[in-house]
Amino acid sequence: MNPGDPILHAFEKQYRIRHPLSGNQYKYTSSPPHSSSFEVFISYAYQDRALRDELAKHLSNLRKQNIIRDWYNGDISPGTERKAQILSHLNTARIILLLISADYLASDFCYSVEMQQAIARHHGDQARVIPIILRPTDWEDAPFADLQVLPTNGIPVSKWSDKDDAFHNVVRGIRKAILDLNGPKTSIP
């Protein structure tokens, strides 16, 4: 096939690849360009930092595709007011991930400040709250108990035989939520 071939050109456009001879450049994705990415706030207990870090690795593809911009309290700049930074990001995020564990539910700040504000924004249709069950704990009748949780069926990440499978399931759920928030006409890779 030569670079001017209309079939090759259609293939390049459909799969967003760059043909080395034609000079045509396409973004390597099958999705339309995103004018703005979703700000994602990650609420977690300090004791769950390792699992939060693992989730961040699994979110890297969404981040690199400019679909999301994730933020957590570890991103606070030195010398800034901690609570003000957290509340600022919590109040502007379109998606709020609650990383649920016994430590999370025991934390006064996570439970009484971050989760309560997240749920209020969710009920006001200002944000989508997605609870992610990290470790087994009693979350019956918690403020988020009526929301669909991740991973599928509410099986805690720590109980999966392969945590990569659990986080893959979580990221697929987040993609689905983004599709829902974007409306029916938008596709995400």
Protein backbone atom coordinates (compact mmCIF):
# COMPACT_ATOMS: atom_id res chain seq x y z
CA MET A 1 0.00 0.00 0.00
CA ASN A 2 1.28 3.43 -0.78
CA PRO A 3 0.90 6.48 1.49
CA GLY A 4 -1.75 8.07 -0.77
CA ASP A 5 -3.98 4.98 -0.70
CA PRO A 6 -7.48 5.95 0.53
CA ILE A 7 -7.90 2.59 2.32
CA LEU A 8 -4.66 3.13 4.23
CA HIS A 9 -5.73 6.68 5.05
CA ALA A 10 -9.10 5.47 6.39
CA PHE A 11 -7.32 2.80 8.48
CA GLU A 12 -4.92 5.40 9.88
CA LYS A 13 -7.82 7.69 10.79
CA GLN A 14 -9.88 4.95 12.37
CA TYR A 15 -7.05 3.62 14.51
CA ARG A 16 -5.32 6.98 15.00
CA ILE A 17 -1.87 5.84 13.94
CA ARG A 18 0.91 7.61 12.12
CA HIS A 19 2.10 6.20 8.84
CA PRO A 20 5.86 6.71 8.58
CA LEU A 21 5.85 7.54 4.86
CA SER A 22 2.74 9.70 4.58
CA GLY A 23 3.66 12.18 7.29
CA ASN A 24 0.08 12.13 8.53
CA GLN A 25 -0.01 12.28 12.30
CA TYR A 26 -2.83 10.94 14.39
CA LYS A 27 -3.08 10.61 18.13
CA TYR A 28 -2.67 6.96 19.13
CA THR A 29 -6.17 6.51 20.49
CA SER A 30 -9.57 5.67 19.12
CA SER A 31 -11.29 8.35 21.18
CA PRO A 32 -12.07 11.93 20.32
CA PRO A 33 -9.75 14.51 21.86
CA HIS A 34 -10.79 15.59 25.34
CA SER A 35 -11.22 19.30 25.81
CA SER A 36 -10.86 18.93 29.56
CA SER A 37 -10.05 16.08 31.83
CA PHE A 38 -12.00 15.08 34.92
CA GLU A 39 -10.55 16.12 38.25
CA VAL A 40 -10.52 13.09 40.51
CA PHE A 41 -10.17 13.50 44.27
CA ILE A 42 -8.86 10.45 46.15
CA SER A 43 -9.95 10.27 49.78
CA TYR A 44 -8.09 7.63 51.80
CA ALA A 45 -6.72 6.84 55.24
CA TYR A 46 -2.98 7.18 55.72
CA GLN A 47 -2.73 3.47 56.64
CA ASP A 48 -3.96 2.61 53.13
CA ARG A 49 -1.23 4.59 51.37
CA ALA A 50 0.30 1.50 49.69
CA LEU A 51 -3.06 0.53 48.16
CA ARG A 52 -3.67 4.16 47.12
CA ASP A 53 -0.27 4.17 45.41
CA GLU A 54 -1.15 0.93 43.62
CA LEU A 55 -4.44 2.42 42.43
CA ALA A 56 -2.54 5.47 41.14
CA LYS A 57 -0.40 3.18 38.96
CA HIS A 58 -3.52 1.60 37.50
CA LEU A 59 -4.99 5.05 36.78
CA SER A 60 -1.88 6.08 34.82
CA ASN A 61 -3.37 5.21 31.42
CA LEU A 62 -6.37 7.46 32.07
CA ARG A 63 -4.00 10.16 33.30
CA LYS A 64 -1.69 9.90 30.27
CA GLN A 65 -4.69 10.06 27.91
CA ASN A 66 -5.68 13.31 29.65
CA ILE A 67 -9.01 11.78 30.69
CA ILE A 68 -8.39 12.41 34.40
CA ARG A 69 -6.27 14.55 36.70
CA ASP A 70 -6.10 12.74 40.03
CA TRP A 71 -5.28 14.47 43.28
CA TYR A 72 -4.70 13.28 46.83
CA ASN A 73 -3.36 14.93 49.98
CA GLY A 74 0.20 13.83 49.12
CA ASP A 75 0.08 16.47 46.36
CA ILE A 76 -0.14 19.34 48.87
CA SER A 77 2.68 21.82 48.37
CA PRO A 78 4.95 22.54 51.32
CA GLY A 79 3.98 25.67 53.20
CA THR A 80 0.32 25.66 52.16
CA GLU A 81 -2.61 25.17 54.49
CA ARG A 82 -3.38 21.47 54.43
CA LYS A 83 -7.12 21.55 55.20
CA ALA A 84 -7.75 24.44 52.79
CA GLN A 85 -5.99 22.56 49.96
CA ILE A 86 -7.95 19.37 50.65
CA LEU A 87 -11.30 21.17 50.76
CA SER A 88 -10.48 23.17 47.65
CA HIS A 89 -9.80 20.04 45.60
CA LEU A 90 -12.69 18.17 47.19
CA ASN A 91 -15.06 20.98 46.20
CA THR A 92 -13.93 21.13 42.57
CA ALA A 93 -13.52 17.43 41.74
CA ARG A 94 -16.02 15.86 39.34
CA ILE A 95 -15.23 12.36 40.60
CA ILE A 96 -14.48 11.53 44.22
CA LEU A 97 -13.02 8.14 45.09
CA LEU A 98 -13.53 6.99 48.68
CA LEU A 99 -10.98 4.27 49.51
CA ILE A 100 -12.87 2.34 52.16
CA SER A 101 -11.28 0.35 54.97
CA ALA A 102 -11.66 0.11 58.73
CA ASP A 103 -8.97 2.79 59.04
CA TYR A 104 -10.91 5.08 56.70
CA LEU A 105 -14.13 4.70 58.66
CA ALA A 106 -12.24 5.19 61.95
CA SER A 107 -10.63 8.44 60.76
CA ASP A 108 -12.57 11.45 62.00
CA PHE A 109 -11.31 13.65 59.16
CA CYS A 110 -12.02 11.09 56.41
CA TYR A 111 -15.46 10.19 57.77
CA SER A 112 -16.73 13.50 59.14
CA VAL A 113 -15.16 15.95 56.69
CA GLU A 114 -14.13 14.36 53.39
CA MET A 115 -16.87 11.72 53.10
CA GLN A 116 -19.66 14.00 54.32
CA GLN A 117 -18.67 16.76 51.87
CA ALA A 118 -18.31 14.22 49.05
CA ILE A 119 -21.77 12.75 49.70
CA ALA A 120 -23.32 16.24 49.89
CA ARG A 121 -21.78 17.12 46.50
CA HIS A 122 -22.95 13.77 45.08
CA HIS A 123 -26.55 14.35 46.23
CA GLY A 124 -26.35 17.88 44.77
CA ASP A 125 -25.31 16.43 41.37
CA GLN A 126 -22.02 18.31 41.59
CA ALA A 127 -19.78 15.23 41.67
CA ARG A 128 -19.86 11.47 41.27
CA VAL A 129 -18.78 9.59 44.40
CA ILE A 130 -17.35 6.11 43.86
CA PRO A 131 -16.63 4.05 46.98
CA ILE A 132 -13.80 1.56 46.47
CA ILE A 133 -13.68 -1.18 49.08
CA LEU A 134 -9.99 -1.76 49.85
CA ARG A 135 -10.15 -3.99 52.89
CA PRO A 136 -12.97 -5.82 54.67
CA THR A 137 -14.92 -3.65 57.10
CA ASP A 138 -18.49 -3.15 58.21
CA TRP A 139 -19.85 -0.41 55.94
CA GLU A 140 -23.51 -1.29 56.33
CA ASP A 141 -25.59 1.91 56.65
CA ALA A 142 -22.52 4.11 56.04
CA PRO A 143 -23.32 7.39 54.23
CA PHE A 144 -22.18 5.84 50.92
CA ALA A 145 -23.93 2.45 51.40
CA ASP A 146 -26.61 3.23 48.80
CA LEU A 147 -24.00 3.92 46.09
CA GLN A 148 -22.63 1.30 43.71
CA VAL A 149 -19.21 0.31 45.00
CA LEU A 150 -16.12 -1.03 43.29
CA PRO A 151 -14.70 -3.61 42.76
CA THR A 152 -17.64 -5.52 41.35
CA ASN A 153 -19.92 -7.09 43.96
CA GLY A 154 -18.17 -5.16 46.74
CA ILE A 155 -15.43 -7.75 47.14
CA PRO A 156 -12.55 -5.88 48.84
CA VAL A 157 -9.39 -5.38 46.79
CA SER A 158 -7.37 -7.18 49.48
CA LYS A 159 -9.52 -10.32 49.09
CA TRP A 160 -8.85 -10.77 45.36
CA SER A 161 -6.30 -13.46 44.58
CA ASP A 162 -4.65 -11.01 42.16
CA LYS A 163 -4.77 -7.33 43.19
CA ASP A 164 -3.99 -6.29 39.60
CA ASP A 165 -7.29 -7.90 38.58
CA ALA A 166 -9.07 -6.01 41.35
CA PHE A 167 -7.59 -2.65 40.33
CA HIS A 168 -8.30 -3.38 36.67
CA ASN A 169 -11.93 -3.94 37.65
CA VAL A 170 -11.90 -0.63 39.54
CA VAL A 171 -10.44 1.31 36.61
CA ARG A 172 -13.01 -0.19 34.24
CA GLY A 173 -15.72 1.01 36.63
CA ILE A 174 -14.21 4.50 36.70
CA ARG A 175 -14.13 4.54 32.88
CA LYS A 176 -17.80 3.56 32.86
CA ALA A 177 -18.61 6.41 35.26
CA ILE A 178 -16.73 8.87 33.04
CA LEU A 179 -18.68 7.67 30.00
CA ASP A 180 -21.89 8.16 31.94
CA LEU A 181 -20.85 11.68 33.01
CA ASN A 182 -19.83 12.59 29.46
CA GLY A 183 -23.17 11.48 28.02
CA PRO A 184 -24.04 8.88 25.39
CA LYS A 185 -22.25 10.45 22.40
CA THR A 186 -18.69 10.38 23.74
CA SER A 187 -16.37 7.39 23.65
CA ILE A 188 -13.32 6.78 25.79
CA PRO A 189 -10.68 4.23 24.86
